[in-house]
PDB file of N, CA and C in Angstrom:
ATOM      1  N   UNK A   1    -270.524  27.967 -69.400  1.00  0.00           N
ATOM      2  CA  UNK A   1    -269.183  28.465 -69.544  1.00  0.00           C
ATOM      3  C   UNK A   1    -268.970  29.694 -68.659  1.00  0.00           C
ATOM      4  N   UNK A   2    -269.861  30.695 -68.793  1.00  0.00           N
ATOM      5  CA  UNK A   2    -269.746  31.885 -67.939  1.00  0.00           C
ATOM      6  C   UNK A   2    -270.711  31.724 -66.774  1.00  0.00           C
ATOM      7  N   UNK A   3    -270.213  31.634 -65.606  1.00  0.00           N
ATOM      8  CA  UNK A   3    -271.094  31.496 -64.447  1.00  0.00           C
ATOM      9  C   UNK A   3    -270.977  32.691 -63.505  1.00  0.00           C
ATOM     10  N   UNK A   4    -270.402  33.825 -63.956  1.00  0.00           N
ATOM     11  CA  UNK A   4    -270.279  35.057 -63.171  1.00  0.00           C
ATOM     12  C   UNK A   4    -269.493  34.855 -61.894  1.00  0.00           C
ATOM     13  N   UNK A   5    -268.541  33.957 -61.919  1.00  0.00           N
ATOM     14  CA  UNK A   5    -267.764  33.700 -60.704  1.00  0.00           C
ATOM     15  C   UNK A   5    -266.880  34.897 -60.364  1.00  0.00           C
ATOM     16  N   UNK A   6    -266.408  35.613 -61.371  1.00  0.00           N
ATOM     17  CA  UNK A   6    -265.525  36.746 -61.114  1.00  0.00           C
ATOM     18  C   UNK A   6    -266.265  37.970 -60.616  1.00  0.00           C
ATOM     19  N   UNK A   7    -267.490  38.161 -61.049  1.00  0.00           N
ATOM     20  CA  UNK A   7    -268.233  39.366 -60.713  1.00  0.00           C
ATOM     21  C   UNK A   7    -269.236  39.157 -59.592  1.00  0.00           C
ATOM     22  N   UNK A   8    -269.576  37.968 -59.327  1.00  0.00           N
ATOM     23  CA  UNK A   8    -270.561  37.698 -58.295  1.00  0.00           C
ATOM     24  C   UNK A   8    -271.952  37.872 -58.850  1.00  0.00           C
ATOM     25  N   UNK A   9    -272.943  37.730 -58.022  1.00  0.00           N
ATOM     26  CA  UNK A   9    -274.319  37.875 -58.512  1.00  0.00           C
ATOM     27  C   UNK A   9    -274.637  39.327 -58.853  1.00  0.00           C
ATOM     28  N   UNK A  10    -275.627  39.535 -59.675  1.00  0.00           N
ATOM     29  CA  UNK A  10    -276.005  40.874 -60.124  1.00  0.00           C
ATOM     30  C   UNK A  10    -276.887  41.600 -59.114  1.00  0.00           C
ATOM     31  N   UNK A  11    -277.144  41.003 -57.974  1.00  0.00           N
ATOM     32  CA  UNK A  11    -277.948  41.672 -56.957  1.00  0.00           C
ATOM     33  C   UNK A  11    -277.186  42.889 -56.430  1.00  0.00           C
ATOM     34  N   UNK A  12    -277.843  44.020 -56.412  1.00  0.00           N
ATOM     35  CA  UNK A  12    -277.226  45.218 -55.872  1.00  0.00           C
ATOM     36  C   UNK A  12    -276.398  46.003 -56.870  1.00  0.00           C
ATOM     37  N   UNK A  13    -276.347  45.594 -58.113  1.00  0.00           N
ATOM     38  CA  UNK A  13    -275.546  46.314 -59.107  1.00  0.00           C
ATOM     39  C   UNK A  13    -276.331  47.455 -59.741  1.00  0.00           C
ATOM     40  N   UNK A  14    -277.562  47.672 -59.369  1.00  0.00           N
ATOM     41  CA  UNK A  14    -278.378  48.749 -59.942  1.00  0.00           C
ATOM     42  C   UNK A  14    -277.853  50.123 -59.542  1.00  0.00           C
ATOM     43  N   UNK A  15    -277.117  50.227 -58.439  1.00  0.00           N
ATOM     44  CA  UNK A  15    -276.652  51.533 -57.983  1.00  0.00           C
ATOM     45  C   UNK A  15    -275.412  52.013 -58.731  1.00  0.00           C
ATOM     46  N   UNK A  16    -274.769  51.177 -59.489  1.00  0.00           N
ATOM     47  CA  UNK A  16    -273.536  51.570 -60.181  1.00  0.00           C
ATOM     48  C   UNK A  16    -273.765  52.712 -61.190  1.00  0.00           C
ATOM     49  N   UNK A  17    -274.810  52.710 -62.023  1.00  0.00           N
ATOM     50  CA  UNK A  17    -275.015  53.854 -62.916  1.00  0.00           C
ATOM     51  C   UNK A  17    -275.291  55.150 -62.152  1.00  0.00           C
ATOM     52  N   UNK A  18    -276.029  55.055 -61.047  1.00  0.00           N
ATOM     53  CA  UNK A  18    -276.312  56.247 -60.245  1.00  0.00           C
ATOM     54  C   UNK A  18    -275.026  56.761 -59.608  1.00  0.00           C
ATOM     55  N   UNK A  19    -274.214  55.852 -59.088  1.00  0.00           N
ATOM     56  CA  UNK A  19    -272.921  56.224 -58.510  1.00  0.00           C
ATOM     57  C   UNK A  19    -272.018  56.863 -59.560  1.00  0.00           C
ATOM     58  N   UNK A  20    -272.022  56.329 -60.764  1.00  0.00           N
ATOM     59  CA  UNK A  20    -271.223  56.899 -61.849  1.00  0.00           C
ATOM     60  C   UNK A  20    -271.671  58.309 -62.214  1.00  0.00           C
ATOM     61  N   UNK A  21    -272.988  58.535 -62.273  1.00  0.00           N
ATOM     62  CA  UNK A  21    -273.502  59.878 -62.571  1.00  0.00           C
ATOM     63  C   UNK A  21    -273.135  60.877 -61.482  1.00  0.00           C
ATOM     64  N   UNK A  22    -273.239  60.462 -60.224  1.00  0.00           N
ATOM     65  CA  UNK A  22    -272.861  61.352 -59.130  1.00  0.00           C
ATOM     66  C   UNK A  22    -271.376  61.706 -59.182  1.00  0.00           C
ATOM     67  N   UNK A  23    -270.539  60.715 -59.453  1.00  0.00           N
ATOM     68  CA  UNK A  23    -269.097  60.985 -59.585  1.00  0.00           C
ATOM     69  C   UNK A  23    -268.827  61.944 -60.740  1.00  0.00           C
ATOM     70  N   UNK A  24    -269.497  61.736 -61.852  1.00  0.00           N
ATOM     71  CA  UNK A  24    -269.308  62.608 -63.006  1.00  0.00           C
ATOM     72  C   UNK A  24    -269.707  64.042 -62.669  1.00  0.00           C
ATOM     73  N   UNK A  25    -270.833  64.233 -61.987  1.00  0.00           N
ATOM     74  CA  UNK A  25    -271.268  65.578 -61.598  1.00  0.00           C
ATOM     75  C   UNK A  25    -270.275  66.237 -60.649  1.00  0.00           C
ATOM     76  N   UNK A  26    -269.743  65.463 -59.708  1.00  0.00           N
ATOM     77  CA  UNK A  26    -268.733  66.014 -58.802  1.00  0.00           C
ATOM     78  C   UNK A  26    -267.474  66.440 -59.555  1.00  0.00           C
ATOM     79  N   UNK A  27    -267.020  65.630 -60.481  1.00  0.00           N
ATOM     80  CA  UNK A  27    -265.833  65.971 -61.258  1.00  0.00           C
ATOM     81  C   UNK A  27    -266.061  67.220 -62.095  1.00  0.00           C
ATOM     82  N   UNK A  28    -267.208  67.314 -62.725  1.00  0.00           N
ATOM     83  CA  UNK A  28    -267.522  68.496 -63.535  1.00  0.00           C
ATOM     84  C   UNK A  28    -267.574  69.734 -62.660  1.00  0.00           C
ATOM     85  N   UNK A  29    -268.153  69.624 -61.478  1.00  0.00           N
ATOM     86  CA  UNK A  29    -268.226  70.766 -60.562  1.00  0.00           C
ATOM     87  C   UNK A  29    -266.821  71.226 -60.157  1.00  0.00           C
ATOM     88  N   UNK A  30    -265.971  70.295 -59.742  1.00  0.00           N
ATOM     89  CA  UNK A  30    -264.635  70.681 -59.292  1.00  0.00           C
ATOM     90  C   UNK A  30    -263.779  71.205 -60.438  1.00  0.00           C
ATOM     91  N   UNK A  31    -263.917  70.631 -61.610  1.00  0.00           N
ATOM     92  CA  UNK A  31    -263.152  71.130 -62.759  1.00  0.00           C
ATOM     93  C   UNK A  31    -263.606  72.528 -63.132  1.00  0.00           C
ATOM     94  N   UNK A  32    -264.903  72.796 -63.091  1.00  0.00           N
ATOM     95  CA  UNK A  32    -265.389  74.139 -63.411  1.00  0.00           C
ATOM     96  C   UNK A  32    -264.927  75.138 -62.362  1.00  0.00           C
ATOM     97  N   UNK A  33    -264.841  74.732 -61.097  1.00  0.00           N
ATOM     98  CA  UNK A  33    -264.354  75.635 -60.049  1.00  0.00           C
ATOM     99  C   UNK A  33    -262.877  75.954 -60.250  1.00  0.00           C
ATOM    100  N   UNK A  34    -262.094  74.977 -60.682  1.00  0.00           N
ATOM    101  CA  UNK A  34    -260.665  75.210 -60.910  1.00  0.00           C
ATOM    102  C   UNK A  34    -260.468  76.177 -62.067  1.00  0.00           C
ATOM    103  N   UNK A  35    -261.213  75.994 -63.161  1.00  0.00           N
ATOM    104  CA  UNK A  35    -261.007  76.842 -64.331  1.00  0.00           C
ATOM    105  C   UNK A  35    -261.634  78.218 -64.179  1.00  0.00           C
ATOM    106  N   UNK A  36    -262.606  78.390 -63.295  1.00  0.00           N
ATOM    107  CA  UNK A  36    -263.264  79.680 -63.132  1.00  0.00           C
ATOM    108  C   UNK A  36    -262.670  80.526 -62.025  1.00  0.00           C
ATOM    109  N   UNK A  37    -261.694  80.031 -61.301  1.00  0.00           N
ATOM    110  CA  UNK A  37    -261.148  80.829 -60.207  1.00  0.00           C
ATOM    111  C   UNK A  37    -260.226  81.907 -60.756  1.00  0.00           C
ATOM    112  N   UNK A  38    -260.128  83.015 -60.057  1.00  0.00           N
ATOM    113  CA  UNK A  38    -259.273  84.146 -60.388  1.00  0.00           C
ATOM    114  C   UNK A  38    -259.543  84.695 -61.778  1.00  0.00           C
ATOM    115  N   UNK A  39    -260.770  84.646 -62.209  1.00  0.00           N
ATOM    116  CA  UNK A  39    -261.098  85.205 -63.515  1.00  0.00           C
ATOM    117  C   UNK A  39    -260.481  84.437 -64.661  1.00  0.00           C
ATOM    118  N   UNK A  40    -260.307  83.136 -64.499  1.00  0.00           N
ATOM    119  CA  UNK A  40    -259.649  82.340 -65.526  1.00  0.00           C
ATOM    120  C   UNK A  40    -260.473  82.157 -66.777  1.00  0.00           C
ATOM    121  N   UNK A  41    -261.755  82.117 -66.666  1.00  0.00           N
ATOM    122  CA  UNK A  41    -262.625  81.912 -67.817  1.00  0.00           C
ATOM    123  C   UNK A  41    -263.728  82.951 -67.820  1.00  0.00           C
ATOM    124  N   UNK A  42    -264.425  82.998 -68.924  1.00  0.00           N
ATOM    125  CA  UNK A  42    -265.564  83.904 -68.998  1.00  0.00           C
ATOM    126  C   UNK A  42    -266.761  83.161 -68.453  1.00  0.00           C
ATOM    127  N   UNK A  43    -267.281  83.637 -67.411  1.00  0.00           N
ATOM    128  CA  UNK A  43    -268.458  83.034 -66.828  1.00  0.00           C
ATOM    129  C   UNK A  43    -269.314  84.112 -66.208  1.00  0.00           C
ATOM    130  N   UNK A  44    -270.495  83.773 -65.804  1.00  0.00           N
ATOM    131  CA  UNK A  44    -271.358  84.790 -65.201  1.00  0.00           C
ATOM    132  C   UNK A  44    -270.807  85.303 -63.874  1.00  0.00           C
ATOM    133  N   UNK A  45    -269.871  84.575 -63.270  1.00  0.00           N
ATOM    134  CA  UNK A  45    -269.329  85.004 -61.983  1.00  0.00           C
ATOM    135  C   UNK A  45    -268.118  85.911 -62.167  1.00  0.00           C
ATOM    136  N   UNK A  46    -267.586  86.015 -63.374  1.00  0.00           N
ATOM    137  CA  UNK A  46    -266.365  86.777 -63.607  1.00  0.00           C
ATOM    138  C   UNK A  46    -266.619  88.001 -64.473  1.00  0.00           C
ATOM    139  N   UNK A  47    -267.693  88.715 -64.235  1.00  0.00           N
ATOM    140  CA  UNK A  47    -268.044  89.848 -65.076  1.00  0.00           C
ATOM    141  C   UNK A  47    -267.642  91.182 -64.462  1.00  0.00           C
ATOM    142  N   UNK A  48    -266.880  91.175 -63.381  1.00  0.00           N
ATOM    143  CA  UNK A  48    -266.455  92.422 -62.746  1.00  0.00           C
ATOM    144  C   UNK A  48    -265.438  93.158 -63.608  1.00  0.00           C
ATOM    145  N   UNK A  49    -265.214  94.417 -63.274  1.00  0.00           N
ATOM    146  CA  UNK A  49    -264.234  95.214 -64.013  1.00  0.00           C
ATOM    147  C   UNK A  49    -262.849  94.831 -63.520  1.00  0.00           C
ATOM    148  N   UNK A  50    -262.007  94.443 -64.428  1.00  0.00           N
ATOM    149  CA  UNK A  50    -260.661  94.054 -64.042  1.00  0.00           C
ATOM    150  C   UNK A  50    -259.778  95.294 -63.935  1.00  0.00           C
ATOM    151  N   UNK A  51    -258.693  95.207 -63.204  1.00  0.00           N
ATOM    152  CA  UNK A  51    -257.791  96.350 -63.083  1.00  0.00           C
ATOM    153  C   UNK A  51    -257.180  96.747 -64.424  1.00  0.00           C
ATOM    154  N   UNK A  52    -257.050  95.801 -65.341  1.00  0.00           N
ATOM    155  CA  UNK A  52    -256.509  96.120 -66.655  1.00  0.00           C
ATOM    156  C   UNK A  52    -257.391  97.118 -67.381  1.00  0.00           C
ATOM    157  N   UNK A  53    -258.713  96.951 -67.296  1.00  0.00           N
ATOM    158  CA  UNK A  53    -259.633  97.871 -67.956  1.00  0.00           C
ATOM    159  C   UNK A  53    -259.528  99.266 -67.358  1.00  0.00           C
ATOM    160  N   UNK A  54    -259.343  99.359 -66.055  1.00  0.00           N
ATOM    161  CA  UNK A  54    -259.207 100.660 -65.419  1.00  0.00           C
ATOM    162  C   UNK A  54    -257.939 101.347 -65.905  1.00  0.00           C
ATOM    163  N   UNK A  55    -256.855 100.594 -66.045  1.00  0.00           N
ATOM    164  CA  UNK A  55    -255.612 101.164 -66.549  1.00  0.00           C
ATOM    165  C   UNK A  55    -255.770 101.616 -67.988  1.00  0.00           C
ATOM    166  N   UNK A  56    -256.472 100.852 -68.778  1.00  0.00           N
ATOM    167  CA  UNK A  56    -256.687 101.220 -70.185  1.00  0.00           C
ATOM    168  C   UNK A  56    -257.508 102.496 -70.289  1.00  0.00           C
ATOM    169  N   UNK A  57    -258.522 102.624 -69.443  1.00  0.00           N
ATOM    170  CA  UNK A  57    -259.340 103.842 -69.457  1.00  0.00           C
ATOM    171  C   UNK A  57    -258.506 105.058 -69.085  1.00  0.00           C
ATOM    172  N   UNK A  58    -257.646 104.908 -68.098  1.00  0.00           N
ATOM    173  CA  UNK A  58    -256.791 106.028 -67.693  1.00  0.00           C
ATOM    174  C   UNK A  58    -255.845 106.409 -68.820  1.00  0.00           C
ATOM    175  N   UNK A  59    -255.287 105.426 -69.505  1.00  0.00           N
ATOM    176  CA  UNK A  59    -254.379 105.712 -70.619  1.00  0.00           C
ATOM    177  C   UNK A  59    -255.115 106.379 -71.781  1.00  0.00           C
ATOM    178  N   UNK A  60    -256.333 105.949 -72.057  1.00  0.00           N
ATOM    179  CA  UNK A  60    -257.108 106.571 -73.130  1.00  0.00           C
ATOM    180  C   UNK A  60    -257.424 108.034 -72.811  1.00  0.00           C
ATOM    181  N   UNK A  61    -257.761 108.313 -71.559  1.00  0.00           N
ATOM    182  CA  UNK A  61    -258.012 109.699 -71.164  1.00  0.00           C
ATOM    183  C   UNK A  61    -256.754 110.548 -71.322  1.00  0.00           C
ATOM    184  N   UNK A  62    -255.635 109.985 -70.953  1.00  0.00           N
ATOM    185  CA  UNK A  62    -254.372 110.705 -71.080  1.00  0.00           C
ATOM    186  C   UNK A  62    -254.043 110.980 -72.550  1.00  0.00           C
ATOM    187  N   UNK A  63    -254.316 110.012 -73.414  1.00  0.00           N
ATOM    188  CA  UNK A  63    -254.081 110.219 -74.849  1.00  0.00           C
ATOM    189  C   UNK A  63    -254.972 111.324 -75.407  1.00  0.00           C
ATOM    190  N   UNK A  64    -256.215 111.353 -74.974  1.00  0.00           N
ATOM    191  CA  UNK A  64    -257.127 112.393 -75.454  1.00  0.00           C
ATOM    192  C   UNK A  64    -256.647 113.776 -75.054  1.00  0.00           C
ATOM    193  N   UNK A  65    -256.191 113.906 -73.804  1.00  0.00           N
ATOM    194  CA  UNK A  65    -255.705 115.221 -73.367  1.00  0.00           C
ATOM    195  C   UNK A  65    -254.441 115.610 -74.124  1.00  0.00           C
ATOM    196  N   UNK A  66    -253.580 114.656 -74.394  1.00  0.00           N
ATOM    197  CA  UNK A  66    -252.363 114.960 -75.164  1.00  0.00           C
ATOM    198  C   UNK A  66    -252.711 115.384 -76.584  1.00  0.00           C
ATOM    199  N   UNK A  67    -253.683 114.747 -77.189  1.00  0.00           N
ATOM    200  CA  UNK A  67    -254.084 115.133 -78.548  1.00  0.00           C
ATOM    201  C   UNK A  67    -254.652 116.549 -78.569  1.00  0.00           C
ATOM    202  N   UNK A  68    -255.445 116.877 -77.545  1.00  0.00           N
ATOM    203  CA  UNK A  68    -255.968 118.245 -77.470  1.00  0.00           C
ATOM    204  C   UNK A  68    -254.836 119.259 -77.347  1.00  0.00           C
ATOM    205  N   UNK A  69    -253.862 118.958 -76.519  1.00  0.00           N
ATOM    206  CA  UNK A  69    -252.729 119.863 -76.347  1.00  0.00           C
ATOM    207  C   UNK A  69    -251.943 120.030 -77.641  1.00  0.00           C
ATOM    208  N   UNK A  70    -251.762 118.941 -78.379  1.00  0.00           N
ATOM    209  CA  UNK A  70    -251.033 119.012 -79.650  1.00  0.00           C
ATOM    210  C   UNK A  70    -251.815 119.863 -80.644  1.00  0.00           C
ATOM    211  N   UNK A  71    -253.129 119.697 -80.694  1.00  0.00           N
ATOM    212  CA  UNK A  71    -253.943 120.511 -81.602  1.00  0.00           C
ATOM    213  C   UNK A  71    -253.857 121.990 -81.237  1.00  0.00           C
ATOM    214  N   UNK A  72    -253.887 122.299 -79.942  1.00  0.00           N
ATOM    215  CA  UNK A  72    -253.759 123.687 -79.518  1.00  0.00           C
ATOM    216  C   UNK A  72    -252.399 124.255 -79.889  1.00  0.00           C
ATOM    217  N   UNK A  73    -251.337 123.490 -79.722  1.00  0.00           N
ATOM    218  CA  UNK A  73    -249.996 123.946 -80.104  1.00  0.00           C
ATOM    219  C   UNK A  73    -249.903 124.181 -81.613  1.00  0.00           C
ATOM    220  N   UNK A  74    -250.513 123.314 -82.403  1.00  0.00           N
ATOM    221  CA  UNK A  74    -250.503 123.508 -83.864  1.00  0.00           C
ATOM    222  C   UNK A  74    -251.262 124.769 -84.246  1.00  0.00           C
ATOM    223  N   UNK A  75    -252.398 125.019 -83.589  1.00  0.00           N
ATOM    224  CA  UNK A  75    -253.162 126.244 -83.860  1.00  0.00           C
ATOM    225  C   UNK A  75    -252.326 127.469 -83.537  1.00  0.00           C
ATOM    226  N   UNK A  76    -251.687 127.459 -82.360  1.00  0.00           N
ATOM    227  CA  UNK A  76    -250.855 128.598 -81.959  1.00  0.00           C
ATOM    228  C   UNK A  76    -249.676 128.788 -82.904  1.00  0.00           C
ATOM    229  N   UNK A  77    -249.103 127.712 -83.388  1.00  0.00           N
ATOM    230  CA  UNK A  77    -247.970 127.819 -84.292  1.00  0.00           C
ATOM    231  C   UNK A  77    -248.420 128.369 -85.646  1.00  0.00           C
ATOM    232  N   UNK A  78    -249.583 127.950 -86.138  1.00  0.00           N
ATOM    233  CA  UNK A  78    -250.103 128.434 -87.417  1.00  0.00           C
ATOM    234  C   UNK A  78    -250.506 129.904 -87.311  1.00  0.00           C
ATOM    235  N   UNK A  79    -250.998 130.350 -86.177  1.00  0.00           N
ATOM    236  CA  UNK A  79    -251.384 131.750 -85.999  1.00  0.00           C
ATOM    237  C   UNK A  79    -250.162 132.673 -85.963  1.00  0.00           C
ATOM    238  N   UNK A  80    -249.044 132.170 -85.467  1.00  0.00           N
ATOM    239  CA  UNK A  80    -247.829 132.977 -85.392  1.00  0.00           C
ATOM    240  C   UNK A  80    -247.226 133.190 -86.781  1.00  0.00           C
ATOM    241  N   UNK A  81    -247.383 132.276 -87.690  1.00  0.00           N
ATOM    242  CA  UNK A  81    -246.779 132.401 -89.034  1.00  0.00           C
ATOM    243  C   UNK A  81    -247.681 133.119 -89.929  1.00  0.00           C
TER     244      UNK A  81
END
């Protein structure tokens, strides 16, 4: 009933699993490159300091200096009364 007329003989079909694995590895590589570009994901290649962290550090320093100034003003105001 089945004489493999549609698929042909099985000679040479051993390379199909190897070809499938190679294609899968290529797809995984390209997908990982797309998702890891421009710091899109957390990966070992994206561990640099981002500009956002630098801005946050500058803002935190500014807040600390403002708090010190407020404390000094409160001390001066309490000493006057």
